[in-house]
Protein backbone atom coordinates (compact mmCIF):
# COMPACT_ATOMS: atom_id res chain seq x y z
CA UNK A 1 122.52 76.09 86.73
CA UNK A 2 126.15 76.86 87.39
CA UNK A 3 128.49 77.05 84.52
CA UNK A 4 131.58 74.95 84.90
CA UNK A 5 134.62 76.99 85.79
CA UNK A 6 137.58 76.76 83.45
CA UNK A 7 141.04 76.96 84.78
CA UNK A 8 144.54 76.93 83.51
CA UNK A 9 145.26 76.65 79.90
CA UNK A 10 141.60 76.14 79.07
CA UNK A 11 140.72 79.45 80.71
CA UNK A 12 143.24 81.41 78.63
CA UNK A 13 141.84 79.79 75.44
CA UNK A 14 138.40 81.07 76.30
CA UNK A 15 139.63 84.65 77.10
CA UNK A 16 141.64 84.91 73.83
CA UNK A 17 138.64 83.60 71.94
CA UNK A 18 136.44 86.33 73.39
CA UNK A 19 138.81 89.11 72.41
CA UNK A 20 139.21 87.75 68.89
CA UNK A 21 135.52 87.52 68.61
CA UNK A 22 135.10 91.15 69.67
CA UNK A 23 137.77 92.33 67.27
CA UNK A 24 136.17 90.36 64.50
CA UNK A 25 132.88 92.10 65.27
CA UNK A 26 134.70 95.55 65.30
CA UNK A 27 136.22 94.95 61.97
CA UNK A 28 132.94 93.85 60.54
CA UNK A 29 131.51 97.31 61.20
CA UNK A 30 133.02 100.64 60.02
CA UNK A 31 132.43 104.39 60.58
CA UNK A 32 130.08 106.17 58.33
CA UNK A 33 130.84 109.75 56.97
CA UNK A 34 127.51 111.41 57.51
CA UNK A 35 128.51 114.82 55.87
CA UNK A 36 131.18 116.22 53.64
CA UNK A 37 130.16 119.80 53.15
CA UNK A 38 132.21 122.04 50.89
CA UNK A 39 132.53 125.81 51.44
CA UNK A 40 134.02 128.72 49.57
CA UNK A 41 137.63 129.17 50.23
CA UNK A 42 138.67 125.52 49.81
CA UNK A 43 137.11 124.20 53.09
CA UNK A 44 135.22 120.89 53.63
CA UNK A 45 133.43 120.22 56.91
CA UNK A 46 133.34 116.47 57.75
CA UNK A 47 131.28 114.55 60.33
CA UNK A 48 131.14 110.79 60.84
CA UNK A 49 129.55 108.21 63.12
CA UNK A 50 131.23 107.22 66.34
CA UNK A 51 132.03 103.53 66.98
CA UNK A 52 131.71 101.84 70.27
CA UNK A 53 134.81 99.97 71.42
CA UNK A 54 134.23 96.18 71.82
CA UNK A 55 136.30 96.03 74.85
CA UNK A 56 138.58 98.02 77.09
CA UNK A 57 140.18 101.13 75.43
CA UNK A 58 138.98 103.88 73.14
CA UNK A 59 138.36 104.34 69.52
CA UNK A 60 140.37 106.94 67.51
CA UNK A 61 140.07 108.11 63.94
CA UNK A 62 142.00 109.56 61.08
CA UNK A 63 140.93 111.16 57.73
CA UNK A 64 142.35 110.78 54.27
CA UNK A 65 141.62 113.09 51.28
CA UNK A 66 142.08 111.39 47.96
CA UNK A 67 144.21 108.81 49.74
CA UNK A 68 146.57 111.32 51.27
CA UNK A 69 146.68 113.51 54.37
CA UNK A 70 144.14 116.22 54.86
CA UNK A 71 144.76 119.76 56.16
CA UNK A 72 142.88 122.04 58.48
CA UNK A 73 142.16 120.46 61.82
CA UNK A 74 141.39 116.96 60.58
CA UNK A 75 143.24 114.07 62.32
CA UNK A 76 145.94 112.47 60.19
CA UNK A 77 147.12 108.88 60.16
CA UNK A 78 150.24 109.94 61.99
CA UNK A 79 148.23 111.75 64.62
CA UNK A 80 144.73 110.12 65.06
CA UNK A 81 142.29 111.46 67.61
CA UNK A 82 138.88 110.63 69.13
CA UNK A 83 136.99 113.53 67.38
CA UNK A 84 134.10 112.76 65.02
CA UNK A 85 134.14 115.95 63.00
CA UNK A 86 136.75 118.35 61.42
CA UNK A 87 137.26 120.93 58.79
CA UNK A 88 139.68 120.22 56.03
CA UNK A 89 141.48 123.35 54.66
CA UNK A 90 143.33 124.56 51.61
CA UNK A 91 141.30 122.17 49.48
CA UNK A 92 141.97 122.67 45.77
CA UNK A 93 139.05 123.29 43.46
CA UNK A 94 137.49 120.02 42.13
CA UNK A 95 135.98 116.87 43.41
CA UNK A 96 137.64 115.05 46.33
CA UNK A 97 137.02 111.71 48.16
CA UNK A 98 137.27 111.36 51.86
CA UNK A 99 137.66 108.26 54.03
CA UNK A 100 137.52 107.94 57.76
CA UNK A 101 139.39 105.04 59.52
CA UNK A 102 138.54 103.90 63.02
CA UNK A 103 141.24 102.40 65.30
CA UNK A 104 140.90 100.17 68.33
CA UNK A 105 143.89 98.61 69.80
CA UNK A 106 145.60 96.98 66.90
CA UNK A 107 142.57 96.72 64.76
CA UNK A 108 141.19 99.23 62.27
CA UNK A 109 138.24 99.65 59.94
CA UNK A 110 137.75 102.19 57.23
CA UNK A 111 134.54 103.92 55.97
CA UNK A 112 133.30 104.09 52.47
CA UNK A 113 134.40 107.07 50.41
CA UNK A 114 132.52 110.32 50.57
CA UNK A 115 132.83 112.97 47.87
CA UNK A 116 132.89 116.74 48.17
CA UNK A 117 133.24 119.25 45.34
CA UNK A 118 135.08 122.54 45.85
CA UNK A 119 133.86 125.25 43.41
CA UNK A 120 135.52 128.28 45.23
CA UNK A 121 139.05 127.67 46.30
CA UNK A 122 141.49 129.30 48.73
CA UNK A 123 142.49 132.86 48.27
CA UNK A 124 145.38 133.07 45.79
CA UNK A 125 145.28 136.72 44.77
CA UNK A 126 143.69 140.15 45.20
CA UNK A 127 142.04 142.31 42.55
CA UNK A 128 142.43 146.02 43.27
CA UNK A 129 140.33 148.73 41.52
CA UNK A 130 140.43 152.44 42.04
CA UNK A 131 137.92 155.20 41.73
CA UNK A 132 138.69 157.74 40.44
CA UNK A 133 141.74 156.60 38.29
CA UNK A 134 143.04 160.06 37.75
CA UNK A 135 143.82 162.49 40.69
CA UNK A 136 146.05 165.49 41.41
CA UNK A 137 148.97 165.12 43.77
CA UNK A 138 147.69 165.14 47.33
CA UNK A 139 144.29 163.85 46.11
CA UNK A 140 142.61 160.58 47.08
CA UNK A 141 141.09 157.57 45.31
CA UNK A 142 138.86 154.79 46.85
CA UNK A 143 140.23 151.38 46.56
CA UNK A 144 138.04 148.16 46.21
CA UNK A 145 140.03 145.01 47.12
CA UNK A 146 138.57 141.54 46.34
CA UNK A 147 139.94 138.22 47.46
CA UNK A 148 140.04 135.74 44.54
CA UNK A 149 140.84 132.02 44.11
CA UNK A 150 142.90 130.58 41.37
CA UNK A 151 139.94 130.54 39.03
CA UNK A 152 139.06 134.17 39.68
CA UNK A 153 136.11 133.41 42.02
CA UNK A 154 135.43 135.74 44.91
CA UNK A 155 136.21 133.97 48.14
CA UNK A 156 133.36 134.96 50.22
CA UNK A 157 134.75 133.27 53.36
CA UNK A 158 137.60 135.75 53.35
CA UNK A 159 136.11 138.10 55.86
CA UNK A 160 136.96 140.26 58.88
CA UNK A 161 140.24 142.29 59.44
CA UNK A 162 143.33 141.40 57.43
CA UNK A 163 146.66 142.98 57.56
CA UNK A 164 147.59 144.15 54.06
CA UNK A 165 150.71 145.87 52.87
CA UNK A 166 150.35 148.33 49.94
CA UNK A 167 153.04 149.09 47.36
CA UNK A 168 153.50 150.54 43.84
CA UNK A 169 153.42 154.20 44.54
CA UNK A 170 156.49 156.44 45.32
CA UNK A 171 157.17 159.22 47.71
CA UNK A 172 156.87 162.77 46.20
CA UNK A 173 160.16 164.59 45.22
CA UNK A 174 159.94 166.38 48.52
CA UNK A 175 159.64 163.11 50.39
CA UNK A 176 155.93 162.87 51.16
CA UNK A 177 155.05 159.18 51.39
CA UNK A 178 151.80 157.74 49.91
CA UNK A 179 149.19 156.45 52.42
CA UNK A 180 146.11 154.19 52.74
CA UNK A 181 143.53 154.84 55.39
CA UNK A 182 142.94 151.70 57.43
CA UNK A 183 139.63 150.40 58.81
CA UNK A 184 139.98 152.55 61.92
CA UNK A 185 140.51 155.75 59.96
CA UNK A 186 144.27 156.08 60.34
CA UNK A 187 146.45 157.01 57.32
CA UNK A 188 149.20 154.38 57.09
CA UNK A 189 152.27 154.65 54.91
CA UNK A 190 152.70 152.43 51.92
CA UNK A 191 154.93 149.47 52.89
CA UNK A 192 153.44 149.29 56.38
CA UNK A 193 150.96 146.64 57.53
CA UNK A 194 147.47 148.17 57.17
CA UNK A 195 144.34 146.76 58.80
CA UNK A 196 141.58 146.39 56.12
CA UNK A 197 138.18 144.94 56.84
CA UNK A 198 136.59 142.38 54.33
CA UNK A 199 132.95 141.40 53.98
CA UNK A 200 132.19 138.31 51.87
CA UNK A 201 135.62 138.59 50.21
CA UNK A 202 135.46 142.30 49.41
CA UNK A 203 136.88 145.45 51.13
CA UNK A 204 135.25 148.66 50.20
CA UNK A 205 135.64 152.19 51.43
CA UNK A 206 133.16 153.36 53.95
CA UNK A 207 133.03 156.81 55.65
CA UNK A 208 136.44 157.74 54.22
CA UNK A 209 137.97 154.62 55.86
CA UNK A 210 139.07 151.16 54.79
CA UNK A 211 141.08 151.77 51.66
CA UNK A 212 141.25 155.49 50.83
CA UNK A 213 144.61 155.94 49.04
CA UNK A 214 146.40 159.34 49.01
CA UNK A 215 149.22 159.79 46.42
CA UNK A 216 151.77 162.61 46.07
CA UNK A 217 154.22 161.72 43.21
CA UNK A 218 153.31 162.65 39.64
CA UNK A 219 153.07 159.70 37.19
CA UNK A 220 151.20 156.46 37.14
CA UNK A 221 151.02 154.56 40.41
CA UNK A 222 150.41 150.87 40.10
CA UNK A 223 148.89 150.00 43.44
CA UNK A 224 149.43 146.52 44.80
CA UNK A 225 147.95 144.87 47.93
CA UNK A 226 149.67 142.00 49.58
CA UNK A 227 149.14 139.61 52.51
CA UNK A 228 151.82 137.10 52.97
CA UNK A 229 152.01 135.12 49.72
CA UNK A 230 148.79 136.66 48.43
CA UNK A 231 149.44 139.58 46.10
CA UNK A 232 147.93 141.49 43.21
CA UNK A 233 148.91 140.24 39.79
CA UNK A 234 147.28 143.15 37.94
CA UNK A 235 147.77 146.43 39.93
CA UNK A 236 145.36 149.21 39.96
CA UNK A 237 146.64 152.09 37.75
CA UNK A 238 146.13 155.65 39.09
CA UNK A 239 147.34 158.58 37.13
CA UNK A 240 148.66 161.43 39.34
CA UNK A 241 149.08 164.93 37.89
CA UNK A 242 150.75 167.94 39.58
CA UNK A 243 148.84 170.35 41.76
CA UNK A 244 149.02 174.19 41.28
CA UNK A 245 152.42 175.88 41.70
CA UNK A 246 153.21 176.73 45.25
CA UNK A 247 156.98 177.37 45.19
CA UNK A 248 160.10 177.65 43.17
CA UNK A 249 163.26 175.41 42.92
CA UNK A 250 166.51 176.76 41.48
CA UNK A 251 169.51 174.90 40.12
CA UNK A 252 172.69 176.48 38.64
CA UNK A 253 174.70 175.22 35.80
CA UNK A 254 177.84 175.74 37.92
CA UNK A 255 178.24 175.46 41.74
CA UNK A 256 181.52 177.40 41.47
CA UNK A 257 181.06 180.28 39.01
CA UNK A 258 183.72 182.95 38.54
CA UNK A 259 182.86 186.64 39.23
CA UNK A 260 181.33 188.36 36.19
CA UNK A 261 180.78 185.12 34.33
CA UNK A 262 177.26 183.98 33.39
CA UNK A 263 175.91 181.08 35.41
CA UNK A 264 172.70 179.79 33.87
CA UNK A 265 169.86 179.15 36.26
CA UNK A 266 166.97 176.71 35.73
CA UNK A 267 163.86 177.85 37.53
CA UNK A 268 161.19 175.20 38.21
CA UNK A 269 157.72 175.89 39.51
CA UNK A 270 156.68 173.13 41.90
CA UNK A 271 153.50 172.05 43.74
CA UNK A 272 153.46 171.53 47.47
CA UNK A 273 155.04 168.11 47.10
CA UNK A 274 157.86 169.03 44.91
CA UNK A 275 156.39 167.92 41.56
CA UNK A 276 156.93 170.23 38.59
CA UNK A 277 153.75 172.26 38.21
CA UNK A 278 153.36 171.89 34.46
CA UNK A 279 150.36 174.28 34.39
CA UNK A 280 152.66 177.17 35.34
CA UNK A 281 153.62 178.51 31.93
CA UNK A 282 154.20 181.72 29.95
CA UNK A 283 155.90 184.98 31.13
CA UNK A 284 156.17 185.59 34.82
CA UNK A 285 157.74 188.50 36.71
CA UNK A 286 160.23 187.01 39.24
CA UNK A 287 162.43 188.81 41.77
CA UNK A 288 165.86 187.32 42.56
CA UNK A 289 167.54 187.84 45.92
CA UNK A 290 170.37 186.58 48.12
CA UNK A 291 173.44 187.96 46.29
CA UNK A 292 175.40 191.09 47.28
CA UNK A 293 177.23 193.77 45.38
CA UNK A 294 181.01 193.32 44.97
CA UNK A 295 183.34 195.29 47.23
CA UNK A 296 183.73 197.78 44.40
CA UNK A 297 179.92 198.19 44.28
CA UNK A 298 179.00 196.09 41.16
CA UNK A 299 175.45 194.66 41.65
CA UNK A 300 174.55 191.02 40.85
CA UNK A 301 172.16 190.57 37.83
CA UNK A 302 169.87 188.02 36.22
CA UNK A 303 168.97 188.25 32.51
CA UNK A 304 165.31 188.48 31.51
CA UNK A 305 163.80 186.63 28.56
CA UNK A 306 164.87 189.46 26.26
CA UNK A 307 168.49 189.08 27.33
CA UNK A 308 168.60 192.28 29.41
CA UNK A 309 170.49 192.00 32.69
CA UNK A 310 168.32 193.05 35.67
CA UNK A 311 169.81 193.85 39.09
CA UNK A 312 168.89 191.57 41.92
CA UNK A 313 165.78 192.89 43.63
CA UNK A 314 164.22 194.11 40.40
CA UNK A 315 161.29 192.53 38.55
CA UNK A 316 162.71 190.10 35.93
CA UNK A 317 160.54 188.59 33.19
CA UNK A 318 161.16 184.83 32.83
CA UNK A 319 159.28 182.48 30.35
CA UNK A 320 158.12 179.17 31.65
CA UNK A 321 157.29 176.08 29.62
CA UNK A 322 155.38 173.34 31.40
CA UNK A 323 156.64 174.69 34.66
CA UNK A 324 160.32 175.09 33.79
CA UNK A 325 162.33 178.09 32.64
CA UNK A 326 165.94 177.41 31.42
CA UNK A 327 168.35 180.22 30.87
CA UNK A 328 170.32 178.03 28.54
CA UNK A 329 167.30 178.08 26.22
CA UNK A 330 166.72 181.77 26.40
CA UNK A 331 163.95 181.82 28.92
CA UNK A 332 165.74 184.17 31.20
CA UNK A 333 167.88 183.41 34.29
CA UNK A 334 171.44 184.05 33.21
CA UNK A 335 173.00 184.96 36.55
CA UNK A 336 176.12 187.06 37.04
CA UNK A 337 177.60 187.39 40.52
CA UNK A 338 180.40 189.78 41.48
CA UNK A 339 181.18 189.11 45.12
CA UNK A 340 183.22 186.03 46.05
CA UNK A 341 182.13 183.54 48.64
CA UNK A 342 179.09 181.39 49.32
CA UNK A 343 175.85 182.93 47.89
CA UNK A 344 172.37 181.54 48.48
CA UNK A 345 170.09 182.64 45.65
CA UNK A 346 166.23 182.66 45.74
CA UNK A 347 163.41 183.72 43.45
CA UNK A 348 159.88 184.98 44.36
CA UNK A 349 156.66 185.89 42.62
CA UNK A 350 154.06 187.17 45.00
CA UNK A 351 153.37 184.38 47.37
CA UNK A 352 155.49 181.88 45.51
CA UNK A 353 158.82 181.63 47.27
CA UNK A 354 161.96 179.49 47.07
CA UNK A 355 162.06 177.49 50.41
CA UNK A 356 165.57 176.07 49.60
CA UNK A 357 168.00 178.47 48.01
CA UNK A 358 170.47 177.39 45.38
CA UNK A 359 173.91 177.85 46.96
CA UNK A 360 176.93 178.59 44.78
CA UNK A 361 180.48 179.44 45.79
CA UNK A 362 181.74 182.38 43.68
CA UNK A 363 185.45 182.43 42.78
CA UNK A 364 187.50 185.54 42.21
CA UNK A 365 188.74 186.77 38.74
CA UNK A 366 192.27 187.35 37.87
CA UNK A 367 194.24 190.08 39.68
CA UNK A 368 193.93 193.52 38.02
CA UNK A 369 195.16 195.74 40.74
CA UNK A 370 196.97 195.97 44.16
CA UNK A 371 195.52 197.44 47.33
CA UNK A 372 197.58 198.53 50.39
CA UNK A 373 196.42 198.60 53.95
CA UNK A 374 198.33 199.55 57.13
CA UNK A 375 198.18 198.58 60.72
CA UNK A 376 198.18 202.32 61.47
CA UNK A 377 197.14 205.49 59.63
CA UNK A 378 199.60 207.60 61.66
CA UNK A 379 202.93 205.85 61.88
CA UNK A 380 205.85 207.45 63.80
CA UNK A 381 208.92 208.26 61.84
CA UNK A 382 211.47 205.45 61.86
CA UNK A 383 209.18 203.14 63.73
CA UNK A 384 208.07 200.00 61.89
CA UNK A 385 204.46 199.03 61.10
CA UNK A 386 202.80 196.35 59.10
CA UNK A 387 201.90 197.07 55.49
CA UNK A 388 199.64 194.48 53.85
CA UNK A 389 199.47 194.13 50.08
CA UNK A 390 196.34 192.59 48.58
CA UNK A 391 195.78 191.57 44.94
CA UNK A 392 192.19 192.26 43.73
CA UNK A 393 190.13 191.37 40.67
CA UNK A 394 188.17 193.97 38.66
CA UNK A 395 185.36 193.95 41.20
CA UNK A 396 187.46 194.38 44.38
CA UNK A 397 187.51 190.80 45.50
CA UNK A 398 190.74 189.27 46.70
CA UNK A 399 192.34 187.59 43.69
CA UNK A 400 193.12 184.28 45.43
CA UNK A 401 195.00 182.99 42.43
CA UNK A 402 197.66 185.60 42.96
CA UNK A 403 200.05 183.59 45.00
CA UNK A 404 203.74 182.87 45.64
CA UNK A 405 206.76 185.14 45.42
CA UNK A 406 206.04 188.53 43.67
CA UNK A 407 208.42 191.46 43.10
CA UNK A 408 206.68 194.67 44.27
CA UNK A 409 208.01 198.15 43.97
CA UNK A 410 206.76 200.69 46.49
CA UNK A 411 206.60 204.50 46.11
CA UNK A 412 205.03 207.55 47.60
CA UNK A 413 207.24 208.39 50.62
CA UNK A 414 210.38 210.39 50.69
CA UNK A 415 213.76 210.52 52.53
CA UNK A 416 214.00 212.13 55.90
CA UNK A 417 216.00 215.34 56.46
CA UNK A 418 219.01 213.18 57.39
CA UNK A 419 218.66 211.20 54.13
CA UNK A 420 217.10 208.06 55.60
CA UNK A 421 214.99 206.42 52.85
CA UNK A 422 211.63 204.66 53.51
CA UNK A 423 212.05 200.81 53.49
CA UNK A 424 209.92 197.67 53.22
CA UNK A 425 211.31 194.43 54.68
CA UNK A 426 211.09 191.60 52.04
CA UNK A 427 210.03 187.99 52.71
CA UNK A 428 213.64 187.07 53.56
CA UNK A 429 213.92 189.76 56.27
CA UNK A 430 215.93 192.41 54.31
CA UNK A 431 214.86 195.97 54.37
CA UNK A 432 214.67 197.26 50.79
CA UNK A 433 214.39 201.00 49.88
CA UNK A 434 211.30 202.36 48.31
CA UNK A 435 211.71 202.42 44.48
CA UNK A 436 213.50 199.05 44.50
CA UNK A 437 211.74 195.76 43.72
CA UNK A 438 210.90 193.95 46.92
CA UNK A 439 210.21 190.28 47.04
CA UNK A 440 206.99 189.47 48.90
CA UNK A 441 205.29 186.20 49.46
CA UNK A 442 201.57 186.12 48.63
CA UNK A 443 199.12 183.50 49.94
CA UNK A 444 195.66 183.39 48.31
CA UNK A 445 196.16 186.96 47.03
CA UNK A 446 197.51 188.54 50.17
CA UNK A 447 201.03 189.39 51.34
CA UNK A 448 200.72 189.52 55.16
CA UNK A 449 203.56 190.78 57.31
CA UNK A 450 204.78 188.36 59.91
CA UNK A 451 207.78 188.35 62.24
CA UNK A 452 208.83 191.75 61.00
CA UNK A 453 209.10 190.45 57.41
CA UNK A 454 207.14 190.36 54.28
CA UNK A 455 205.85 194.04 54.42
CA UNK A 456 207.16 195.41 57.62
CA UNK A 457 207.67 199.07 56.74
CA UNK A 458 209.49 202.23 58.09
CA UNK A 459 208.76 205.81 56.84
CA UNK A 460 211.26 208.31 57.93
CA UNK A 461 210.10 211.72 56.90
CA UNK A 462 207.35 213.62 58.70
CA UNK A 463 204.88 214.09 55.91
CA UNK A 464 201.57 212.88 54.47
CA UNK A 465 202.83 210.02 52.40
CA UNK A 466 200.73 208.46 49.56
CA UNK A 467 201.93 204.93 49.25
CA UNK A 468 201.64 203.04 45.98
CA UNK A 469 202.76 199.60 44.77
CA UNK A 470 203.27 197.87 41.45
CA UNK A 471 204.51 194.44 40.16
CA UNK A 472 205.22 195.86 36.71
CA UNK A 473 201.90 194.62 35.36
CA UNK A 474 199.28 195.63 37.92
CA UNK A 475 199.45 198.52 40.29
CA UNK A 476 197.53 200.30 42.98
CA UNK A 477 194.56 202.22 41.53
CA UNK A 478 194.38 204.43 44.64
CA UNK A 479 197.27 205.45 46.96
CA UNK A 480 197.28 204.77 50.70
CA UNK A 481 197.60 208.10 52.60
CA UNK A 482 199.50 207.89 55.87
CA UNK A 483 200.34 210.75 58.17
CA UNK A 484 203.86 210.37 59.52
CA UNK A 485 204.57 211.98 62.90
CA UNK A 486 207.90 212.92 64.36
CA UNK A 487 209.66 210.57 66.71
CA UNK A 488 211.12 211.24 70.13
CA UNK A 489 214.08 213.57 70.67
CA UNK A 490 217.14 211.69 69.89
CA UNK A 491 219.98 213.78 68.54
CA UNK A 492 221.32 217.13 67.57
CA UNK A 493 221.81 218.48 63.99
CA UNK A 494 223.42 221.51 62.51
CA UNK A 495 221.04 224.09 61.09
CA UNK A 496 222.03 226.62 58.53
CA UNK A 497 225.74 226.02 58.85
CA UNK A 498 227.98 228.55 56.92
CA UNK A 499 231.78 228.88 56.49
CA UNK A 500 233.69 232.09 55.76
CA UNK A 501 235.84 230.22 53.15
CA UNK A 502 236.45 226.82 51.81
CA UNK A 503 233.86 224.11 50.87
CA UNK A 504 231.02 222.73 53.05
CA UNK A 505 230.32 219.10 52.29
CA UNK A 506 226.97 217.46 51.82
CA UNK A 507 225.13 216.24 53.68
CA UNK A 508 225.69 218.67 56.45
CA UNK A 509 223.32 217.67 59.06
CA UNK A 510 224.29 215.30 61.91
CA UNK A 511 227.88 215.51 60.68
CA UNK A 512 229.59 217.99 58.44
CA UNK A 513 232.99 218.46 56.74
CA UNK A 514 234.41 221.93 55.91
CA UNK A 515 237.64 221.79 53.85
CA UNK A 516 240.09 224.57 52.83
CA UNK A 517 238.63 226.85 55.52
CA UNK A 518 241.81 228.93 55.85
CA UNK A 519 243.54 230.48 58.85
CA UNK A 520 241.15 232.52 61.06
CA UNK A 521 238.28 231.33 59.08
CA UNK A 522 234.96 230.98 60.79
CA UNK A 523 232.11 228.49 60.93
CA UNK A 524 228.68 229.54 62.11
CA UNK A 525 225.51 227.42 62.73
CA UNK A 526 222.41 227.07 64.81
CA UNK A 527 221.56 223.71 66.33
CA UNK A 528 218.31 221.71 66.20
CA UNK A 529 216.86 218.89 68.26
CA UNK A 530 215.62 216.02 66.01
CA UNK A 531 214.29 212.51 66.18
CA UNK A 532 216.61 209.64 65.09
CA UNK A 533 216.23 210.37 61.39
CA UNK A 534 216.49 214.16 61.48
CA UNK A 535 212.89 215.35 61.79
CA UNK A 536 212.87 218.50 63.94
CA UNK A 537 211.37 218.27 67.33
CA UNK A 538 209.11 220.95 68.86
CA UNK A 539 208.59 222.07 72.43
CA UNK A 540 211.88 220.71 73.84
CA UNK A 541 213.93 223.18 75.94
CA UNK A 542 217.52 222.15 75.76
CA UNK A 543 221.01 223.60 76.71
CA UNK A 544 223.60 222.84 74.08
CA UNK A 545 227.29 223.21 74.61
CA UNK A 546 229.68 223.61 71.60
CA UNK A 547 233.39 222.76 71.94
CA UNK A 548 236.26 222.49 69.41
CA UNK A 549 239.84 221.18 69.24
CA UNK A 550 242.37 223.15 71.13
CA UNK A 551 243.94 225.98 69.13
CA UNK A 552 240.52 227.25 68.00
CA UNK A 553 237.95 229.43 69.68
CA UNK A 554 234.22 229.00 70.08
CA UNK A 555 231.92 231.88 70.98
CA UNK A 556 228.13 231.79 71.56
CA UNK A 557 228.19 228.62 73.64
CA UNK A 558 226.09 227.44 75.37
CA UNK A 559 222.94 227.78 73.23
CA UNK A 560 219.32 227.03 74.22
CA UNK A 561 216.22 225.92 72.42
CA UNK A 562 212.79 227.38 73.32
CA UNK A 563 210.24 225.62 75.46
CA UNK A 564 207.62 226.00 72.77
CA UNK A 565 207.77 225.86 69.09
CA UNK A 566 210.53 224.36 66.91
CA UNK A 567 213.49 223.08 69.00
CA UNK A 568 216.06 225.28 67.11
CA UNK A 569 218.37 227.58 68.90
CA UNK A 570 217.64 231.26 68.46
CA UNK A 571 221.39 232.13 68.19
CA UNK A 572 224.45 230.73 66.39
CA UNK A 573 227.76 229.56 67.73
CA UNK A 574 230.93 230.74 65.99
CA UNK A 575 234.01 228.56 65.44
CA UNK A 576 237.35 230.50 64.61
CA UNK A 577 240.18 228.57 63.20
CA UNK A 578 243.86 229.10 64.26
CA UNK A 579 245.59 232.23 62.74
CA UNK A 580 248.37 230.23 61.24
CA UNK A 581 249.47 226.75 60.26
CA UNK A 582 247.46 223.77 58.95
CA UNK A 583 244.79 222.16 61.06
CA UNK A 584 242.05 219.49 61.31
CA UNK A 585 239.60 220.41 64.06
CA UNK A 586 236.55 218.71 65.38
CA UNK A 587 233.58 220.88 66.46
CA UNK A 588 231.19 219.07 68.82
CA UNK A 589 227.66 220.16 69.76
CA UNK A 590 226.40 218.18 72.84
CA UNK A 591 223.31 218.12 75.06
CA UNK A 592 222.48 215.66 77.86
CA UNK A 593 220.55 212.64 76.60
CA UNK A 594 221.03 213.40 72.92
CA UNK A 595 223.57 212.11 70.28
CA UNK A 596 225.99 214.86 69.51
CA UNK A 597 226.47 216.61 66.20
CA UNK A 598 230.02 216.90 64.96
CA UNK A 599 231.82 218.80 62.21
CA UNK A 600 235.42 218.73 60.97
CA UNK A 601 237.17 221.92 59.79
CA UNK A 602 240.48 221.63 58.02
CA UNK A 603 243.21 223.48 56.10
């Protein structure tokens, strides 16, 4: 039999009625939570029955835990899905009630509650233990790391590889960083992510991997393991003691000692990692090195434990207490250095060396003497050279504190045959005779000639001069010998001049004055070839002509000097005054290329 067809408004009423009936049936039924299975680590696995949609469309679900949103991968009210199982995560310890709500179009229906009890929660901390708990520097200890929940239960689901960061131990004094061996066997520095493998919540060392810690700094290390927000409330305490002595470290009380003044050393025996080797104790025979003798030859010393100064390079007994010897406490090590400048000091005992020397900069003492040095050991007469004056301390170091303007008196050289005195040019540029205070400018203990000033010197007599200097308080302790040589032929001089009457003035050398000679009186002399200051030349053959004022006579001219030997004529000239009347005559001796010698004769 055919059913009557409905049309129009009546048909719509039938369709709406059918949907409402289906929705009413959907709401009548609800999903059923078939399992709520708790696990260690705060996880609950949920499954629930699927519901068939009463019409077009799909059914989706969301989960609530204790009336609120779940975690893990469970669908939430704000983000429902069609799954029928999920795992809720980060579930606190305790009993919890779960509900599942099914959604179809605008209708929903909720399951009955299902409880699950969490006895082992999420990981909230690590416990770390070490074995052994006492090691020497450079030694190892095996760590056991356990993942715990808030109640102290081991979270057995914490398994596999985790990236932990270790802290709580310091680098050694020499900079060696502590390490932990990861699960692959690689030593990883503290502070760096380290792969550690967990089984049932516990990481243990196996085959020297997966938690072997190596420590280098003496003291108590408090080892902490961290992963994100998970850390170690109670660190593992490991006591690290020093290894055997393998080297020395030196420190000095002063980095800028003065020559000859004690500078107390502290000598520390250290292990390989720079920790004080406390087992190194008692008397030990050390040898110190690195310092040189002073310019005057005084050797550097270090006092032994008896207070006796021992030269560098000699065995020196030093007493150690717990790895340290302090000179200031009478253990030995009072150092005296005598040479200025940077000095790097080391100590050794057999194979124990000092890898890094202690460096001090030694300062000079006060000035106790002057020292002269010359730009030439063989100056030429009347030719300038540089004479440097240096102030030195008692050990021959330049006394750098001797500075500024100083009045220095020079000696040790004599006047030339013509009477020219030796001179030193002062700092202002004025030539000052030997024997007179000469102002020189010192910089850091040295008066250095510059621009023909401040020590520019001329010696005029051919001789071996022995120069000395004094400021009135300190003087040269040894003279400076200089061999002065003759200059080039420059002028003529009278040699052995005599007069038959009257007075011969002095000096009588390049020039001469004869007074009250008398009528028909005579003057006789030889002639010499000299340098500019009257030192006699050798090996210079010259022809010399002697002339005089009209009215007088000259015999014996010209004269000659020999080709070899002293350049002095072998014969004399004779000047004869007029037979009557008063007179003032000039006698002139001349030779080509030389300055003439002149004499005046008068009545």
